[in-house]
């Protein structure tokens, strides 16, 4: 394969400006990730430790194989809301006893680990990733149940947790619950619905109703242990499979369970050695334009991500605003679709559809690198069949069955988000860079459209158009869309799987690819009707 050579001048003012802009966003990202790692804050962490309990991230560290990475997912869940960043739960992918797993760990230092609406979104997305990629699940349980003041937003969707645990088991994907403390009310069904259940002696409490509720409902007076203690469930009810003497013992037992399941990946392994890129990952920060209106070459990004910086471009002189081609990432073969100048023209849409079909024919996963303002508009393009060509691309994306991994590098607007395998199209993973924006269209365009509609409505009704009020509305709308399209805002609502430092792109995509290969890698051989 040809070797990519970045066409950027590292001594230029533009390179320095781009780097400075991204570093500022990365600093903001680091602040928010630190807030998520802090959980409920020093006071509640110390209270937790005083009870001889480990914080959730320490539990995860002990659970993972020594020296192995942990790809945290949805770390900014709840950002911009009334809830703590991270949504009182940690989710991610890690290796336990040699097995790649999805890990879900309640953070009891945040309101006792209570689950708010963002908690459920985050957990359900983690289980969706487990199901699509055939990854065993380990639940580290210590939660007081639902956050009652927000139950109207959490109760109905929260039921999907139990549904997904049973579906994973039915699909032959092992699920494990390690109960460190409370697992009450609906949460009691987590150990009940997992294949394996481990409980910590004198700490785990698993019951549908605690002593106060039982007394109110039935008049019965019971202790925590009688109702749902670890020993009772290990010796009497049979809900617990293993009784751990303490937290470390529970983690040891969890690791032993994973060692005993004889797990095997269904997908093929890497086809070549994982050679690092020839370009310094640090320099990727200067490649990405600080202004989303200024395009940048995806080749310059790929040179910092792909194995040995090698890329075999497909149709390089046709539909040049979309780059397609083949490469390897951590030894895995991948097909790549990357936006070049933002706009998708008819030629790009046809090229993309054809390339996606080719990838499915040879069972190769696809990486979508988004920086798009959407499909081209205008009389000429409508008459030329932009809708038909765009439909071909969306048809191919929607019906492709090889794994898709999507990265939002810049703009992600309109149907371009869909056509480049946005979240609605069920890619295995979606990650965002901190500079990216996602919306129906850009703030200025959206505000301008609303202004034109208002002018036309005023003219149609014979009213005088208030220019001053319109200017205020436009400014307000632009501010709203600017805020709501921000990568932190979108990630806070779990519309991606995490905002990542661009310098970590190769590592993150590599872990995601490896996880995807836990399942079969098999392309679609038949698609829907393509309009010609």
Protein backbone atom coordinates (compact mmCIF):
# COMPACT_ATOMS: atom_id res chain seq x y z
CA UNK A 1 0.00 0.00 0.00
CA UNK A 2 1.14 3.58 -0.64
CA UNK A 3 2.52 5.49 2.35
CA UNK A 4 0.69 8.70 3.27
CA UNK A 5 2.74 11.87 3.71
CA UNK A 6 0.89 14.71 5.48
CA UNK A 7 0.69 17.87 3.41
CA UNK A 8 0.81 20.28 6.32
CA UNK A 9 3.47 22.77 7.28
CA UNK A 10 4.19 22.26 10.97
CA UNK A 11 5.90 25.66 11.12
CA UNK A 12 2.87 27.51 9.71
CA UNK A 13 0.59 29.87 11.58
CA UNK A 14 -2.43 27.74 10.66
CA UNK A 15 -0.86 24.63 12.21
CA UNK A 16 -0.13 26.51 15.44
CA UNK A 17 -3.63 28.00 15.51
CA UNK A 18 -5.27 24.62 14.97
CA UNK A 19 -3.15 23.02 17.67
CA UNK A 20 -3.85 25.79 20.18
CA UNK A 21 -7.60 25.60 19.55
CA UNK A 22 -7.75 21.85 20.06
CA UNK A 23 -5.57 21.97 23.17
CA UNK A 24 -8.04 24.40 24.72
CA UNK A 25 -10.90 22.01 24.05
CA UNK A 26 -8.87 19.07 25.35
CA UNK A 27 -8.18 21.00 28.56
CA UNK A 28 -11.94 21.46 29.02
CA UNK A 29 -12.44 17.77 28.33
CA UNK A 30 -9.83 16.82 30.91
CA UNK A 31 -11.61 19.01 33.49
CA UNK A 32 -14.91 17.23 32.90
CA UNK A 33 -13.34 13.78 32.94
CA UNK A 34 -11.69 14.67 36.24
CA UNK A 35 -15.09 15.69 37.60
CA UNK A 36 -16.51 12.31 36.53
CA UNK A 37 -13.63 10.47 38.19
CA UNK A 38 -14.19 12.45 41.40
CA UNK A 39 -17.63 10.88 41.79
CA UNK A 40 -19.58 12.44 44.63
CA UNK A 41 -16.56 14.42 45.83
CA UNK A 42 -13.96 14.03 48.57
CA UNK A 43 -16.48 13.99 51.42
CA UNK A 44 -18.46 11.05 50.08
CA UNK A 45 -15.43 9.18 48.80
CA UNK A 46 -13.85 9.35 52.27
CA UNK A 47 -17.11 8.25 53.87
CA UNK A 48 -17.16 5.29 51.49
CA UNK A 49 -13.56 4.37 52.32
CA UNK A 50 -14.25 4.66 56.06
CA UNK A 51 -16.63 1.74 55.61
CA UNK A 52 -13.77 -0.35 54.19
CA UNK A 53 -15.17 -0.05 50.69
CA UNK A 54 -13.28 0.69 47.49
CA UNK A 55 -14.41 3.36 45.02
CA UNK A 56 -15.81 1.91 41.82
CA UNK A 57 -12.74 2.74 39.72
CA UNK A 58 -10.48 0.91 42.16
CA UNK A 59 -12.76 -2.11 41.91
CA UNK A 60 -12.46 -1.95 38.12
CA UNK A 61 -8.66 -1.62 38.32
CA UNK A 62 -8.42 -4.78 40.43
CA UNK A 63 -10.82 -6.64 38.16
CA UNK A 64 -8.87 -5.92 34.98
CA UNK A 65 -5.85 -7.89 33.86
CA UNK A 66 -2.72 -6.14 35.09
CA UNK A 67 -1.41 -3.58 32.60
CA UNK A 68 -4.38 -3.93 30.25
CA UNK A 69 -6.27 -0.86 28.98
CA UNK A 70 -9.78 0.22 29.94
CA UNK A 71 -11.82 2.08 27.33
CA UNK A 72 -14.32 4.10 29.31
CA UNK A 73 -17.63 4.74 27.57
CA UNK A 74 -20.05 7.67 27.89
CA UNK A 75 -17.87 9.35 30.51
CA UNK A 76 -19.66 12.70 30.04
CA UNK A 77 -23.18 11.30 30.46
CA UNK A 78 -25.32 13.87 32.24
CA UNK A 79 -23.06 16.80 31.25
CA UNK A 80 -25.00 20.05 31.22
CA UNK A 81 -27.82 18.61 33.35
CA UNK A 82 -28.62 18.83 37.05
CA UNK A 83 -26.86 15.51 37.61
CA UNK A 84 -23.22 14.75 38.33
CA UNK A 85 -21.08 14.25 35.21
CA UNK A 86 -20.77 10.52 34.64
CA UNK A 87 -24.35 9.79 35.78
CA UNK A 88 -23.37 7.78 38.89
CA UNK A 89 -22.08 4.80 36.91
CA UNK A 90 -18.89 3.80 35.09
CA UNK A 91 -19.11 1.75 31.90
CA UNK A 92 -16.39 0.57 29.57
CA UNK A 93 -14.52 -2.25 27.87
CA UNK A 94 -11.65 -4.06 29.55
CA UNK A 95 -9.89 -7.42 29.63
CA UNK A 96 -10.64 -9.77 32.54
CA UNK A 97 -8.82 -13.10 32.69
CA UNK A 98 -7.99 -12.71 29.02
CA UNK A 99 -11.61 -12.00 28.01
CA UNK A 100 -12.75 -8.67 26.58
CA UNK A 101 -15.78 -7.63 28.62
CA UNK A 102 -18.22 -4.78 29.06
CA UNK A 103 -18.02 -3.57 32.65
CA UNK A 104 -20.83 -1.67 34.38
CA UNK A 105 -20.02 -0.32 37.83
CA UNK A 106 -22.30 1.75 40.06
CA UNK A 107 -20.64 4.69 41.82
CA UNK A 108 -22.10 4.66 45.36
CA UNK A 109 -20.40 7.98 46.23
CA UNK A 110 -22.94 9.78 43.98
CA UNK A 111 -26.31 9.80 45.75
CA UNK A 112 -25.74 6.22 46.91
CA UNK A 113 -25.36 5.05 43.34
CA UNK A 114 -28.98 5.95 42.57
CA UNK A 115 -29.92 5.73 38.90
CA UNK A 116 -31.16 8.85 37.14
CA UNK A 117 -32.39 9.04 33.52
CA UNK A 118 -28.84 9.44 32.19
CA UNK A 119 -27.69 6.44 34.22
CA UNK A 120 -30.16 4.25 32.41
CA UNK A 121 -29.21 5.67 29.01
CA UNK A 122 -25.58 4.96 29.74
CA UNK A 123 -26.12 1.41 31.02
CA UNK A 124 -28.49 0.46 28.22
CA UNK A 125 -26.01 1.75 25.63
CA UNK A 126 -23.26 -0.33 27.27
CA UNK A 127 -25.45 -3.44 27.10
CA UNK A 128 -26.28 -2.65 23.47
CA UNK A 129 -22.54 -2.60 22.74
CA UNK A 130 -22.18 -5.91 24.56
CA UNK A 131 -24.97 -7.48 22.53
CA UNK A 132 -23.84 -6.24 19.11
CA UNK A 133 -20.22 -7.17 19.72
CA UNK A 134 -20.87 -10.35 21.73
CA UNK A 135 -18.99 -9.19 24.83
CA UNK A 136 -19.57 -10.76 28.27
CA UNK A 137 -20.86 -8.32 30.89
CA UNK A 138 -19.68 -7.84 34.48
CA UNK A 139 -21.88 -5.71 36.74
CA UNK A 140 -20.27 -4.21 39.85
CA UNK A 141 -23.40 -3.56 41.86
CA UNK A 142 -23.95 -1.09 44.68
CA UNK A 143 -26.95 1.11 44.11
CA UNK A 144 -29.87 2.44 46.09
CA UNK A 145 -32.11 2.01 43.05
CA UNK A 146 -33.90 4.70 41.10
CA UNK A 147 -33.46 8.40 41.82
CA UNK A 148 -37.06 8.81 42.98
CA UNK A 149 -37.57 12.51 42.15
CA UNK A 150 -36.85 11.72 38.49
CA UNK A 151 -38.66 8.37 38.36
CA UNK A 152 -41.03 9.55 35.64
CA UNK A 153 -38.04 9.85 33.26
CA UNK A 154 -36.23 6.74 34.48
CA UNK A 155 -38.77 4.07 35.38
CA UNK A 156 -40.11 3.04 31.96
CA UNK A 157 -36.82 3.04 29.98
CA UNK A 158 -35.00 1.50 32.96
CA UNK A 159 -36.81 -1.78 32.40
CA UNK A 160 -34.64 -2.34 29.34
CA UNK A 161 -31.76 -3.22 31.69
CA UNK A 162 -33.45 -6.44 32.77
CA UNK A 163 -34.61 -7.19 29.24
CA UNK A 164 -31.10 -6.83 27.84
CA UNK A 165 -29.48 -8.97 30.54
CA UNK A 166 -31.83 -11.84 29.76
CA UNK A 167 -31.37 -11.42 26.00
CA UNK A 168 -27.61 -11.52 26.39
CA UNK A 169 -27.92 -14.77 28.35
CA UNK A 170 -30.28 -16.20 25.74
CA UNK A 171 -27.71 -15.36 23.06
CA UNK A 172 -25.05 -17.28 24.97
CA UNK A 173 -23.21 -14.20 26.21
CA UNK A 174 -22.26 -14.63 29.89
CA UNK A 175 -23.37 -12.02 32.44
CA UNK A 176 -21.96 -11.67 35.95
CA UNK A 177 -23.10 -9.64 38.97
CA UNK A 178 -20.71 -8.87 41.80
CA UNK A 179 -22.76 -7.31 44.60
CA UNK A 180 -20.78 -5.08 46.97
CA UNK A 181 -23.66 -3.35 48.78
CA UNK A 182 -27.26 -2.37 48.10
CA UNK A 183 -29.08 -3.91 45.16
CA UNK A 184 -32.62 -3.14 46.13
CA UNK A 185 -36.09 -2.85 44.61
CA UNK A 186 -35.85 -3.24 40.82
CA UNK A 187 -32.07 -3.44 41.16
CA UNK A 188 -32.48 -6.77 42.97
CA UNK A 189 -33.18 -8.31 39.59
CA UNK A 190 -29.67 -7.53 38.32
CA UNK A 191 -28.08 -10.44 40.26
CA UNK A 192 -31.31 -12.37 39.68
CA UNK A 193 -31.03 -12.09 35.91
CA UNK A 194 -27.28 -12.54 35.53
CA UNK A 195 -25.81 -15.97 34.80
CA UNK A 196 -23.43 -15.74 37.76
CA UNK A 197 -23.96 -13.93 41.06
CA UNK A 198 -21.29 -13.14 43.65
CA UNK A 199 -22.11 -11.42 46.96
CA UNK A 200 -19.89 -9.89 49.63
CA UNK A 201 -20.52 -11.24 53.13
CA UNK A 202 -22.13 -8.77 55.55
CA UNK A 203 -22.21 -6.09 52.83
CA UNK A 204 -24.47 -7.20 49.99
CA UNK A 205 -28.18 -6.45 50.45
CA UNK A 206 -30.47 -7.79 47.77
CA UNK A 207 -34.20 -7.49 48.36
CA UNK A 208 -37.30 -6.22 46.63
CA UNK A 209 -38.36 -4.30 49.71
CA UNK A 210 -36.24 -3.30 52.68
CA UNK A 211 -37.26 -3.68 56.34
CA UNK A 212 -39.20 -0.36 56.52
CA UNK A 213 -41.22 -1.13 53.38
CA UNK A 214 -41.93 -4.72 54.49
CA UNK A 215 -43.10 -3.48 57.87
CA UNK A 216 -45.38 -0.91 56.27
CA UNK A 217 -46.78 -3.40 53.75
CA UNK A 218 -47.14 -6.50 55.90
CA UNK A 219 -46.41 -5.61 59.52
CA UNK A 220 -43.48 -8.01 59.49
CA UNK A 221 -40.34 -7.00 61.36
CA UNK A 222 -37.14 -8.24 59.67
CA UNK A 223 -33.44 -7.45 59.57
CA UNK A 224 -31.45 -6.62 56.43
CA UNK A 225 -29.70 -10.00 56.63
CA UNK A 226 -32.94 -11.95 56.99
CA UNK A 227 -34.48 -10.19 54.02
CA UNK A 228 -31.56 -10.06 51.63
CA UNK A 229 -28.15 -10.58 53.16
CA UNK A 230 -25.34 -12.30 51.30
CA UNK A 231 -25.29 -15.31 53.64
CA UNK A 232 -29.05 -15.77 53.41
CA UNK A 233 -28.94 -15.71 49.61
CA UNK A 234 -25.93 -18.07 49.60
CA UNK A 235 -27.35 -20.57 52.09
CA UNK A 236 -31.14 -20.22 51.90
CA UNK A 237 -32.60 -18.59 48.79
CA UNK A 238 -29.88 -19.76 46.39
CA UNK A 239 -29.76 -16.40 44.58
CA UNK A 240 -26.01 -16.10 45.27
CA UNK A 241 -23.63 -18.55 43.59
CA UNK A 242 -20.50 -17.47 45.47
CA UNK A 243 -20.10 -15.94 48.93
CA UNK A 244 -17.09 -13.61 49.13
CA UNK A 245 -15.45 -12.75 52.44
CA UNK A 246 -14.63 -9.19 51.31
CA UNK A 247 -14.44 -6.99 48.21
CA UNK A 248 -11.07 -8.28 47.05
CA UNK A 249 -12.29 -11.84 47.36
CA UNK A 250 -15.40 -10.95 45.33
CA UNK A 251 -13.23 -9.52 42.56
CA UNK A 252 -11.04 -12.64 42.67
CA UNK A 253 -14.14 -14.78 42.25
CA UNK A 254 -15.32 -12.61 39.36
CA UNK A 255 -11.98 -13.08 37.61
CA UNK A 256 -12.22 -16.81 38.22
CA UNK A 257 -15.68 -16.97 36.66
CA UNK A 258 -14.35 -15.29 33.52
CA UNK A 259 -11.39 -17.68 33.43
CA UNK A 260 -13.78 -20.66 33.58
CA UNK A 261 -16.20 -19.74 30.78
CA UNK A 262 -13.87 -20.90 27.98
CA UNK A 263 -14.70 -17.83 25.90
CA UNK A 264 -13.67 -17.64 22.25
CA UNK A 265 -13.94 -14.81 19.74
CA UNK A 266 -15.91 -15.57 16.58
CA UNK A 267 -14.19 -12.98 14.38
CA UNK A 268 -10.77 -13.38 12.78
CA UNK A 269 -7.67 -11.98 14.42
CA UNK A 270 -5.38 -9.34 12.94
CA UNK A 271 -4.06 -10.21 9.50
CA UNK A 272 -0.75 -8.38 9.79
CA UNK A 273 1.56 -7.01 12.50
CA UNK A 274 0.37 -3.78 14.14
CA UNK A 275 2.93 -1.28 12.94
CA UNK A 276 2.73 2.24 14.43
CA UNK A 277 2.09 5.17 12.07
CA UNK A 278 5.13 6.93 10.64
CA UNK A 279 3.72 10.25 11.87
CA UNK A 280 3.86 11.54 15.44
CA UNK A 281 0.33 11.34 16.93
CA UNK A 282 0.99 14.69 18.62
CA UNK A 283 0.96 16.41 15.23
CA UNK A 284 -2.63 15.43 14.54
CA UNK A 285 -3.67 18.45 16.62
CA UNK A 286 -2.28 20.82 14.01
CA UNK A 287 -4.02 19.07 11.13
CA UNK A 288 -7.61 19.64 12.26
CA UNK A 289 -8.99 23.04 11.32
CA UNK A 290 -9.94 25.30 14.22
CA UNK A 291 -12.71 26.72 12.00
CA UNK A 292 -15.24 24.09 10.87
CA UNK A 293 -15.79 26.10 7.69
CA UNK A 294 -12.20 25.41 6.64
CA UNK A 295 -11.74 21.88 5.26
CA UNK A 296 -8.76 19.67 6.10
CA UNK A 297 -7.37 16.61 4.31
CA UNK A 298 -8.53 13.31 5.82
CA UNK A 299 -5.35 11.77 4.38
CA UNK A 300 -3.41 13.85 6.90
CA UNK A 301 -5.51 12.38 9.72
CA UNK A 302 -5.17 8.82 8.41
CA UNK A 303 -1.39 9.20 8.25
CA UNK A 304 -1.44 9.57 12.06
CA UNK A 305 -3.83 6.66 12.66
CA UNK A 306 -3.30 3.77 10.20
CA UNK A 307 -0.65 1.07 10.50
CA UNK A 308 2.61 2.24 8.97
CA UNK A 309 0.66 5.25 7.60
CA UNK A 310 -0.33 3.10 4.60
CA UNK A 311 -3.57 3.70 2.70
CA UNK A 312 -4.76 2.32 -0.64
CA UNK A 313 -7.25 4.87 -1.94
CA UNK A 314 -10.26 3.72 -3.94
CA UNK A 315 -11.43 5.94 -6.86
CA UNK A 316 -9.05 8.76 -5.86
CA UNK A 317 -10.00 10.99 -8.81
CA UNK A 318 -13.78 10.51 -8.65
CA UNK A 319 -16.05 12.12 -6.07
CA UNK A 320 -13.05 13.70 -4.40
CA UNK A 321 -14.92 15.34 -1.52
CA UNK A 322 -15.28 11.85 -0.01
CA UNK A 323 -12.14 9.75 0.46
CA UNK A 324 -12.53 5.97 0.38
CA UNK A 325 -9.97 3.20 0.60
CA UNK A 326 -8.33 0.34 2.45
CA UNK A 327 -5.87 0.19 5.30
CA UNK A 328 -5.00 -1.64 8.51
CA UNK A 329 -5.41 -0.55 12.11
CA UNK A 330 -3.65 -2.54 14.85
CA UNK A 331 -3.32 -5.31 12.29
CA UNK A 332 -7.04 -5.44 11.40
CA UNK A 333 -8.08 -4.70 7.80
CA UNK A 334 -10.50 -1.77 7.51
CA UNK A 335 -12.38 0.10 4.83
CA UNK A 336 -12.45 3.86 5.30
CA UNK A 337 -14.91 6.57 4.28
CA UNK A 338 -13.79 10.08 5.23
CA UNK A 339 -15.28 13.44 4.30
CA UNK A 340 -12.82 15.82 2.67
CA UNK A 341 -14.52 19.17 2.11
CA UNK A 342 -17.75 18.62 4.01
CA UNK A 343 -20.35 18.51 1.22
CA UNK A 344 -21.57 15.19 -0.22
CA UNK A 345 -22.25 15.46 -3.97
CA UNK A 346 -24.01 12.83 -6.16
CA UNK A 347 -20.66 11.35 -7.22
CA UNK A 348 -19.59 10.95 -3.60
CA UNK A 349 -22.86 9.27 -2.67
CA UNK A 350 -22.55 6.75 -5.52
CA UNK A 351 -18.91 6.12 -4.73
CA UNK A 352 -19.72 5.53 -1.06
CA UNK A 353 -22.55 3.11 -1.82
CA UNK A 354 -20.34 1.09 -4.16
CA UNK A 355 -17.47 1.01 -1.67
CA UNK A 356 -19.75 -0.16 1.16
CA UNK A 357 -20.98 -3.00 -1.04
CA UNK A 358 -17.38 -3.99 -1.78
CA UNK A 359 -16.50 -4.04 1.94
CA UNK A 360 -19.49 -6.27 2.64
CA UNK A 361 -18.44 -8.64 -0.14
CA UNK A 362 -15.09 -9.25 1.55
CA UNK A 363 -16.27 -9.01 5.20
CA UNK A 364 -14.15 -5.98 6.13
CA UNK A 365 -15.24 -3.53 8.89
CA UNK A 366 -15.79 0.12 7.98
CA UNK A 367 -14.50 3.29 9.62
CA UNK A 368 -16.56 6.43 8.97
CA UNK A 369 -14.68 9.68 9.63
CA UNK A 370 -17.25 12.46 9.63
CA UNK A 371 -16.69 16.08 8.72
CA UNK A 372 -19.78 16.86 6.68
CA UNK A 373 -22.33 19.63 6.24
CA UNK A 374 -24.65 17.18 4.48
CA UNK A 375 -25.82 16.55 0.93
CA UNK A 376 -25.47 19.33 -1.62
CA UNK A 377 -28.60 21.41 -2.25
CA UNK A 378 -29.71 23.51 -5.20
CA UNK A 379 -31.75 23.29 -8.41
CA UNK A 380 -29.00 21.73 -10.49
CA UNK A 381 -28.33 18.95 -8.01
CA UNK A 382 -31.99 18.23 -7.29
CA UNK A 383 -32.63 17.85 -11.03
CA UNK A 384 -29.56 15.63 -11.35
CA UNK A 385 -31.02 13.21 -8.79
CA UNK A 386 -29.27 14.08 -5.53
CA UNK A 387 -32.07 12.46 -3.55
CA UNK A 388 -31.78 9.21 -5.52
CA UNK A 389 -28.01 9.10 -5.12
CA UNK A 390 -28.19 10.02 -1.45
CA UNK A 391 -30.76 7.28 -0.95
CA UNK A 392 -28.32 4.75 -2.44
CA UNK A 393 -25.69 5.73 0.10
CA UNK A 394 -28.11 5.61 3.02
CA UNK A 395 -29.48 2.28 1.78
CA UNK A 396 -25.97 0.85 1.74
CA UNK A 397 -25.15 2.21 5.19
CA UNK A 398 -28.42 1.05 6.74
CA UNK A 399 -28.20 -2.50 5.38
CA UNK A 400 -24.46 -3.08 5.67
CA UNK A 401 -23.77 -5.77 8.29
CA UNK A 402 -20.00 -5.48 8.71
CA UNK A 403 -19.07 -3.57 11.87
CA UNK A 404 -19.20 0.22 11.53
CA UNK A 405 -17.12 2.47 13.77
CA UNK A 406 -17.81 6.19 13.45
CA UNK A 407 -15.63 9.12 14.43
CA UNK A 408 -16.91 12.71 14.41
CA UNK A 409 -13.89 14.81 13.46
CA UNK A 410 -15.62 18.11 12.78
CA UNK A 411 -19.06 19.00 11.41
CA UNK A 412 -21.80 16.37 11.51
CA UNK A 413 -24.82 18.11 10.03
CA UNK A 414 -28.09 17.06 8.45
CA UNK A 415 -28.50 13.84 6.52
CA UNK A 416 -24.72 13.73 6.22
CA UNK A 417 -24.72 12.46 9.81
CA UNK A 418 -27.03 9.63 8.77
CA UNK A 419 -25.25 8.80 5.51
CA UNK A 420 -21.90 8.59 7.31
CA UNK A 421 -23.27 6.02 9.79
CA UNK A 422 -24.39 8.32 12.58
CA UNK A 423 -25.75 6.99 15.86
CA UNK A 424 -29.23 6.31 14.42
CA UNK A 425 -27.68 3.75 12.04
CA UNK A 426 -26.38 1.55 14.84
CA UNK A 427 -22.63 1.66 14.34
CA UNK A 428 -20.84 -0.58 16.82
CA UNK A 429 -19.17 2.53 18.30
CA UNK A 430 -19.39 6.31 17.86
CA UNK A 431 -16.67 8.62 19.19
CA UNK A 432 -16.28 12.39 18.93
CA UNK A 433 -13.39 14.80 18.96
CA UNK A 434 -13.90 17.74 21.34
CA UNK A 435 -14.17 20.24 18.47
CA UNK A 436 -16.99 18.41 16.68
CA UNK A 437 -20.54 19.71 16.21
CA UNK A 438 -23.74 17.75 15.55
CA UNK A 439 -27.02 19.32 14.46
CA UNK A 440 -29.62 19.55 11.70
CA UNK A 441 -27.48 22.31 10.22
CA UNK A 442 -25.02 24.99 11.32
CA UNK A 443 -26.23 27.69 13.75
CA UNK A 444 -26.13 30.54 11.23
CA UNK A 445 -27.88 28.49 8.55
CA UNK A 446 -30.60 27.31 10.90
CA UNK A 447 -31.27 30.79 12.26
CA UNK A 448 -31.28 32.16 8.73
CA UNK A 449 -33.83 29.60 7.56
CA UNK A 450 -36.15 30.49 10.43
CA UNK A 451 -35.75 34.17 9.58
CA UNK A 452 -36.68 33.61 5.91
CA UNK A 453 -39.73 31.58 6.94
CA UNK A 454 -40.80 34.37 9.30
CA UNK A 455 -40.39 36.98 6.55
CA UNK A 456 -42.48 34.94 4.15
CA UNK A 457 -45.19 34.40 6.77
CA UNK A 458 -45.34 38.15 7.47
CA UNK A 459 -45.59 38.93 3.75
CA UNK A 460 -48.31 36.33 3.22
CA UNK A 461 -50.43 37.79 6.02
CA UNK A 462 -49.78 41.43 5.06
CA UNK A 463 -47.97 42.19 8.31
CA UNK A 464 -44.93 44.43 8.62
CA UNK A 465 -41.80 42.41 9.32
CA UNK A 466 -40.02 43.47 12.54
CA UNK A 467 -36.33 43.51 11.63
CA UNK A 468 -35.21 44.28 15.18
CA UNK A 469 -37.13 41.39 16.73
CA UNK A 470 -35.89 39.10 13.97
CA UNK A 471 -32.27 40.00 14.71
CA UNK A 472 -32.82 39.16 18.39
CA UNK A 473 -34.42 35.83 17.48
CA UNK A 474 -31.60 34.97 15.14
CA UNK A 475 -28.98 35.71 17.79
CA UNK A 476 -30.89 33.65 20.35
CA UNK A 477 -31.31 30.70 17.98
CA UNK A 478 -27.64 30.78 16.98
CA UNK A 479 -26.61 30.68 20.64
CA UNK A 480 -29.00 27.80 21.33
CA UNK A 481 -27.79 25.70 18.39
CA UNK A 482 -24.14 26.51 19.15
CA UNK A 483 -24.67 25.21 22.68
CA UNK A 484 -26.74 22.16 21.77
CA UNK A 485 -24.52 21.03 18.90
CA UNK A 486 -21.41 21.04 21.12
CA UNK A 487 -19.66 17.69 21.47
CA UNK A 488 -19.93 17.80 25.28
CA UNK A 489 -23.68 18.48 25.12
CA UNK A 490 -24.29 15.64 22.66
CA UNK A 491 -22.10 13.22 24.60
CA UNK A 492 -23.87 14.25 27.80
CA UNK A 493 -27.05 12.87 26.27
CA UNK A 494 -25.27 9.64 25.31
CA UNK A 495 -25.53 10.31 21.56
CA UNK A 496 -21.96 9.01 21.23
CA UNK A 497 -19.75 6.64 23.22
CA UNK A 498 -17.35 9.30 24.37
CA UNK A 499 -15.45 12.45 23.52
CA UNK A 500 -11.80 11.53 23.00
CA UNK A 501 -8.47 13.31 22.72
CA UNK A 502 -7.56 13.19 18.99
CA UNK A 503 -4.10 11.91 19.97
CA UNK A 504 -5.78 8.79 21.39
CA UNK A 505 -7.72 8.06 18.20
CA UNK A 506 -5.61 5.12 17.05
CA UNK A 507 -5.77 3.42 20.47
CA UNK A 508 -9.50 3.97 20.91
CA UNK A 509 -10.33 2.71 17.42
CA UNK A 510 -8.03 -0.26 17.92
CA UNK A 511 -9.81 -1.33 21.11
CA UNK A 512 -13.18 -0.87 19.41
CA UNK A 513 -12.08 -2.97 16.42
CA UNK A 514 -10.79 -5.72 18.67
CA UNK A 515 -14.09 -5.71 20.58
CA UNK A 516 -16.07 -5.90 17.33
CA UNK A 517 -14.13 -9.01 16.35
CA UNK A 518 -15.54 -10.84 19.36
CA UNK A 519 -18.56 -11.37 17.12
CA UNK A 520 -18.72 -12.65 13.56
CA UNK A 521 -17.51 -10.32 10.82
CA UNK A 522 -19.87 -11.05 7.97
CA UNK A 523 -21.08 -8.70 5.28
CA UNK A 524 -24.52 -8.43 3.70
CA UNK A 525 -24.84 -10.16 0.36
CA UNK A 526 -28.22 -8.62 -0.52
CA UNK A 527 -29.40 -5.02 -0.19
CA UNK A 528 -32.68 -3.21 -0.72
CA UNK A 529 -33.78 -1.62 -3.99
CA UNK A 530 -31.33 0.99 -5.28
CA UNK A 531 -32.98 3.76 -7.31
CA UNK A 532 -31.19 4.22 -10.62
